[in-house]
Every structure is written in structure tokens, then in C-alpha cells.
N, C-alpha and C. Protein backbone atom coordinates (compact mmCIF):
# COMPACT_ATOMS: atom_id res chain seq x y z
N MET A 1 0.96 -1.38 0.12
CA MET A 1 0.12 0.02 0.05
C MET A 1 0.90 1.41 0.18
N ILE A 2 1.72 1.13 0.71
CA ILE A 2 2.99 2.54 0.71
C ILE A 2 3.55 2.58 -0.54
N ARG A 3 4.12 1.41 -1.23
CA ARG A 3 4.41 1.61 -2.51
C ARG A 3 3.45 2.13 -3.56
N ARG A 4 2.16 1.97 -3.38
CA ARG A 4 1.58 2.32 -4.29
C ARG A 4 1.23 3.89 -4.22
N ALA A 5 1.18 4.32 -2.98
CA ALA A 5 0.88 5.89 -2.22
C ALA A 5 2.08 6.44 -3.20
N CYS A 6 3.34 5.91 -2.81
CA CYS A 6 4.56 6.65 -3.47
C CYS A 6 4.65 6.83 -4.77
N LEU A 7 4.24 5.76 -5.56
CA LEU A 7 3.83 5.76 -7.07
C LEU A 7 2.96 6.85 -7.30
N VAL A 8 1.93 6.87 -6.70
CA VAL A 8 0.83 7.95 -7.12
C VAL A 8 1.54 9.33 -7.00
N VAL A 9 2.11 9.49 -5.82
CA VAL A 9 2.95 11.23 -5.43
C VAL A 9 3.95 11.36 -6.53
N SER A 10 4.63 10.25 -6.92
CA SER A 10 5.99 10.44 -7.94
C SER A 10 5.15 10.94 -9.33
N ILE A 11 3.95 9.98 -9.53
CA ILE A 11 3.48 10.39 -11.07
C ILE A 11 2.85 11.91 -11.10
N VAL A 12 1.96 12.15 -9.76
CA VAL A 12 1.40 13.68 -9.79
C VAL A 12 2.29 14.67 -9.95
N SER A 13 3.61 14.30 -9.15
CA SER A 13 4.50 15.55 -9.15
C SER A 13 5.29 15.58 -10.61
N ALA A 14 5.31 14.42 -11.40
CA ALA A 14 6.14 14.69 -12.67
C ALA A 14 5.00 15.29 -13.38
N ALA A 15 3.72 14.97 -13.17
CA ALA A 15 2.84 15.73 -14.18
C ALA A 15 2.83 17.14 -13.88
N GLY A 16 2.98 17.33 -12.48
CA GLY A 16 2.97 18.96 -12.20
C GLY A 16 4.20 19.55 -12.65
N GLY A 17 5.32 18.74 -12.92
CA GLY A 17 6.69 19.60 -13.24
C GLY A 17 6.68 19.77 -14.64
N ALA A 18 5.77 18.76 -15.55
CA ALA A 18 5.74 19.26 -17.12
C ALA A 18 5.15 20.65 -17.10
N HIS A 19 4.37 20.86 -16.38
CA HIS A 19 3.70 22.48 -16.67
C HIS A 19 4.75 23.54 -16.22
N ALA A 20 5.71 23.25 -15.35
CA ALA A 20 6.85 24.13 -14.98
C ALA A 20 7.86 24.28 -16.27
N TRP A 21 7.66 23.26 -17.25
CA TRP A 21 8.67 23.57 -18.22
C TRP A 21 8.05 23.92 -19.74
N ALA A 22 6.82 24.26 -19.52
CA ALA A 22 5.96 24.72 -20.61
C ALA A 22 6.71 25.99 -21.13
N GLY A 23 6.62 26.17 -22.36
CA GLY A 23 6.96 27.59 -22.93
C GLY A 23 5.93 28.86 -22.45
N PRO A 24 6.29 29.67 -22.85
CA PRO A 24 5.54 31.09 -22.16
C PRO A 24 4.42 31.30 -23.64
N ALA A 25 3.38 31.94 -22.91
CA ALA A 25 2.19 32.44 -24.11
C ALA A 25 2.73 33.86 -24.44
N CYS A 26 2.54 33.98 -25.68
CA CYS A 26 3.34 35.07 -26.33
C CYS A 26 2.31 36.15 -26.92
N THR A 27 1.25 35.82 -27.57
CA THR A 27 0.55 36.72 -28.15
C THR A 27 -1.19 36.07 -28.42
N THR A 28 -1.86 37.06 -28.30
CA THR A 28 -3.37 36.71 -28.41
C THR A 28 -3.59 37.28 -30.17
N ALA A 29 -3.02 38.01 -30.45
CA ALA A 29 -3.04 38.54 -31.86
C ALA A 29 -3.44 37.60 -32.66
N SER A 30 -4.18 38.05 -34.01
CA SER A 30 -4.55 37.14 -34.87
C SER A 30 -3.03 37.16 -35.82
N VAL A 31 -2.98 35.88 -36.20
CA VAL A 31 -1.89 35.66 -37.18
C VAL A 31 -1.49 36.60 -38.43
N ASP A 32 -2.74 37.18 -38.75
CA ASP A 32 -2.62 38.50 -39.94
C ASP A 32 -1.52 39.49 -39.40
N ARG A 33 -1.28 39.67 -38.18
CA ARG A 33 -0.65 40.80 -37.45
C ARG A 33 0.91 40.39 -37.06
N TRP A 34 1.13 38.93 -37.15
CA TRP A 34 2.52 38.52 -37.05
C TRP A 34 3.22 38.83 -38.11
N ILE A 35 4.68 39.02 -37.73
CA ILE A 35 5.76 39.10 -38.62
C ILE A 35 5.84 37.77 -39.39
N PRO A 36 5.94 37.68 -40.69
CA PRO A 36 5.74 36.55 -41.33
C PRO A 36 7.32 35.72 -40.96
N ALA A 37 7.10 34.49 -40.63
CA ALA A 37 8.11 33.50 -40.36
C ALA A 37 9.38 33.51 -40.83
N GLU A 38 9.64 33.52 -42.13
CA GLU A 38 10.94 33.87 -42.83
C GLU A 38 11.25 35.14 -42.44
N ALA A 39 10.87 36.09 -42.64
CA ALA A 39 11.25 37.34 -42.34
C ALA A 39 11.75 37.65 -40.79
N MET A 40 10.85 36.88 -39.85
CA MET A 40 11.52 36.74 -38.58
C MET A 40 12.78 35.96 -38.56
N ARG A 41 12.88 35.02 -38.98
CA ARG A 41 14.13 34.02 -38.91
C ARG A 41 15.57 35.03 -39.79
N ARG A 42 15.05 35.71 -40.83
CA ARG A 42 16.03 36.57 -41.32
C ARG A 42 16.64 37.67 -40.12
N ARG A 43 15.45 38.01 -39.62
CA ARG A 43 15.67 39.21 -38.40
C ARG A 43 16.65 38.58 -37.40
N ILE A 44 16.52 37.29 -36.90
CA ILE A 44 17.07 36.59 -35.99
C ILE A 44 18.48 36.29 -36.28
N GLU A 45 18.47 35.55 -37.59
CA GLU A 45 19.92 35.47 -38.16
C GLU A 45 20.65 36.79 -38.27
N GLY A 46 20.07 37.93 -38.71
CA GLY A 46 20.82 39.29 -38.84
C GLY A 46 21.20 39.84 -37.57
N ASP A 47 20.66 39.41 -36.33
CA ASP A 47 21.38 39.65 -35.01
C ASP A 47 22.35 38.63 -34.46
N GLY A 48 22.64 37.71 -35.45
CA GLY A 48 24.10 37.18 -35.04
C GLY A 48 23.83 35.43 -34.74
N TYR A 49 22.53 35.22 -34.45
CA TYR A 49 22.26 33.78 -34.25
C TYR A 49 22.20 32.86 -35.37
N ARG A 50 22.64 31.78 -35.20
CA ARG A 50 22.72 30.49 -36.13
C ARG A 50 21.39 29.79 -35.68
N VAL A 51 20.48 29.69 -36.55
CA VAL A 51 19.09 28.71 -36.29
C VAL A 51 19.20 27.67 -36.82
N GLY A 52 19.22 26.57 -36.03
CA GLY A 52 18.97 25.27 -36.33
C GLY A 52 17.50 24.79 -36.29
N VAL A 53 16.86 25.36 -35.55
CA VAL A 53 15.27 24.89 -35.47
C VAL A 53 14.54 26.26 -35.16
N PHE A 54 13.69 26.37 -36.09
CA PHE A 54 12.70 27.54 -35.93
C PHE A 54 11.27 27.04 -35.97
N LYS A 55 10.45 27.42 -34.90
CA LYS A 55 8.86 26.90 -35.05
C LYS A 55 7.98 27.86 -34.19
N THR A 56 6.86 27.65 -34.53
CA THR A 56 5.92 28.04 -33.81
C THR A 56 5.36 27.31 -32.78
N THR A 57 5.29 27.65 -31.44
CA THR A 57 4.84 26.96 -30.26
C THR A 57 3.06 27.12 -30.24
N GLU A 58 2.97 26.31 -29.26
CA GLU A 58 1.51 26.28 -28.68
C GLU A 58 1.06 27.37 -28.10
N GLY A 59 2.13 28.48 -27.65
CA GLY A 59 1.76 29.30 -26.75
C GLY A 59 1.78 30.61 -27.83
N ARG A 60 1.75 30.38 -29.03
CA ARG A 60 1.95 31.36 -29.89
C ARG A 60 2.91 32.33 -29.96
N CYS A 61 4.03 31.65 -29.94
CA CYS A 61 5.55 32.24 -30.03
C CYS A 61 6.19 31.69 -31.09
N TYR A 62 7.32 32.46 -31.62
CA TYR A 62 8.26 31.61 -32.36
C TYR A 62 9.34 31.45 -31.54
N GLU A 63 9.88 30.25 -31.75
CA GLU A 63 10.96 29.80 -30.97
C GLU A 63 12.04 29.10 -31.67
N ILE A 64 13.16 29.41 -31.36
CA ILE A 64 14.52 29.00 -31.98
C ILE A 64 15.31 28.06 -31.08
N TYR A 65 15.92 27.02 -31.74
CA TYR A 65 17.07 26.47 -30.96
C TYR A 65 18.33 26.57 -31.76
N GLY A 66 19.45 27.17 -31.25
CA GLY A 66 20.55 27.58 -32.23
C GLY A 66 21.52 27.94 -31.41
N ARG A 67 22.56 28.78 -31.85
CA ARG A 67 23.92 29.22 -31.12
C ARG A 67 23.89 30.77 -31.46
N ASP A 68 24.27 31.32 -30.56
CA ASP A 68 24.46 32.86 -30.58
C ASP A 68 25.86 32.99 -31.16
N LYS A 69 26.12 34.45 -31.30
CA LYS A 69 27.37 34.71 -32.26
C LYS A 69 28.72 34.23 -31.37
N ASP A 70 28.72 33.77 -30.03
CA ASP A 70 29.79 33.50 -29.31
C ASP A 70 29.80 31.77 -29.23
N GLY A 71 28.82 31.23 -29.97
CA GLY A 71 28.73 29.51 -30.31
C GLY A 71 28.22 28.82 -29.15
N ARG A 72 27.56 29.73 -28.23
CA ARG A 72 26.78 28.98 -27.18
C ARG A 72 25.47 28.39 -27.45
N ARG A 73 24.96 27.37 -27.08
CA ARG A 73 23.63 26.82 -27.44
C ARG A 73 22.64 28.07 -26.54
N VAL A 74 21.42 28.21 -27.61
CA VAL A 74 20.29 29.32 -27.24
C VAL A 74 19.13 28.34 -27.44
N GLU A 75 18.10 28.73 -26.51
CA GLU A 75 16.88 28.25 -26.81
C GLU A 75 15.80 29.81 -26.51
N ILE A 76 15.14 30.41 -27.57
CA ILE A 76 14.67 31.79 -27.40
C ILE A 76 13.28 31.64 -27.96
N TYR A 77 12.50 32.21 -27.25
CA TYR A 77 11.06 32.61 -27.55
C TYR A 77 10.76 34.07 -27.78
N PHE A 78 10.40 34.24 -28.99
CA PHE A 78 9.97 35.62 -29.47
C PHE A 78 8.59 35.93 -29.70
N ASP A 79 8.01 37.18 -29.23
CA ASP A 79 6.68 37.54 -29.65
C ASP A 79 6.75 37.65 -31.11
N PRO A 80 5.72 36.96 -31.72
CA PRO A 80 5.68 37.19 -33.21
C PRO A 80 4.98 38.46 -33.71
N VAL A 81 4.55 39.38 -32.75
CA VAL A 81 3.89 40.55 -33.24
C VAL A 81 5.02 41.72 -33.31
N SER A 82 5.67 41.50 -32.33
CA SER A 82 6.77 42.87 -32.23
C SER A 82 8.24 42.11 -32.41
N GLY A 83 8.36 40.97 -32.30
CA GLY A 83 9.70 40.23 -32.39
C GLY A 83 10.58 40.41 -31.21
N ALA A 84 10.00 41.15 -30.10
CA ALA A 84 10.80 40.99 -28.51
C ALA A 84 10.97 39.63 -28.24
N ILE A 85 12.10 39.57 -27.59
CA ILE A 85 12.57 38.22 -26.70
C ILE A 85 11.64 38.13 -25.58
N VAL A 86 10.70 36.94 -25.45
CA VAL A 86 9.85 36.87 -24.26
C VAL A 86 10.81 35.81 -23.29
N LYS A 87 11.44 34.94 -23.70
CA LYS A 87 12.06 34.22 -22.95
C LYS A 87 13.31 33.66 -23.60
N SER A 88 14.45 33.35 -22.57
CA SER A 88 15.60 32.60 -23.35
C SER A 88 16.58 31.86 -22.40
N SER A 89 17.32 31.09 -23.01
CA SER A 89 17.93 30.16 -22.16
C SER A 89 19.37 30.27 -22.94
N VAL A 90 20.57 30.42 -22.09
CA VAL A 90 21.70 30.30 -23.09
C VAL A 90 22.71 29.17 -22.21
N ARG A 91 23.23 27.95 -23.00
CA ARG A 91 23.94 27.33 -22.07
C ARG A 91 25.37 27.12 -22.80
């Protein structure tokens, strides 16, 4: 019985932790107000990033995985309307 209770607690904790890693919500603006994806990618590359992956998230952000100008790995979320960085991680 104790093992089962521990298992349930572990599963619930893991499920709750998944939400902590979810990306940000960037905009509620309609897609016709967004910077076109290819234009945004060019803008990001113009800022010195090497883009490996460029995608649109469920939170309605543009997200990249790539490298900064110093070669460090980055994960960055951009507001697709303004182009502003909403959240970033450098490793």
C-alpha cells in the first residue's frame, strides 16, 4: 500500500513538473498581425544567431534552438508581433 501511495505521488509530481517546463504564452493577436516566419528568421539571423530549429509554439510564440554569435547553445522565444524576446536560455 505504501509503495502504491509513493507511486501516485511520483506520478502527480512529474505531471505537475511538466507544466513548469512549458513555454510562455506570447500573443493573442491574430496571425495576420504576426511578422511573417521567414522575415522573422532572417531578422534573428541578422542579429547574429545561427538558427538550427525555428518553429511556432502552442503558446503562439516563435521559438528557436541554435547558437549565439559566441557559439553558445540558445533556446529563445520571440513575440511574433513585436519580435521581442519573451524568454531565453543560454547554455
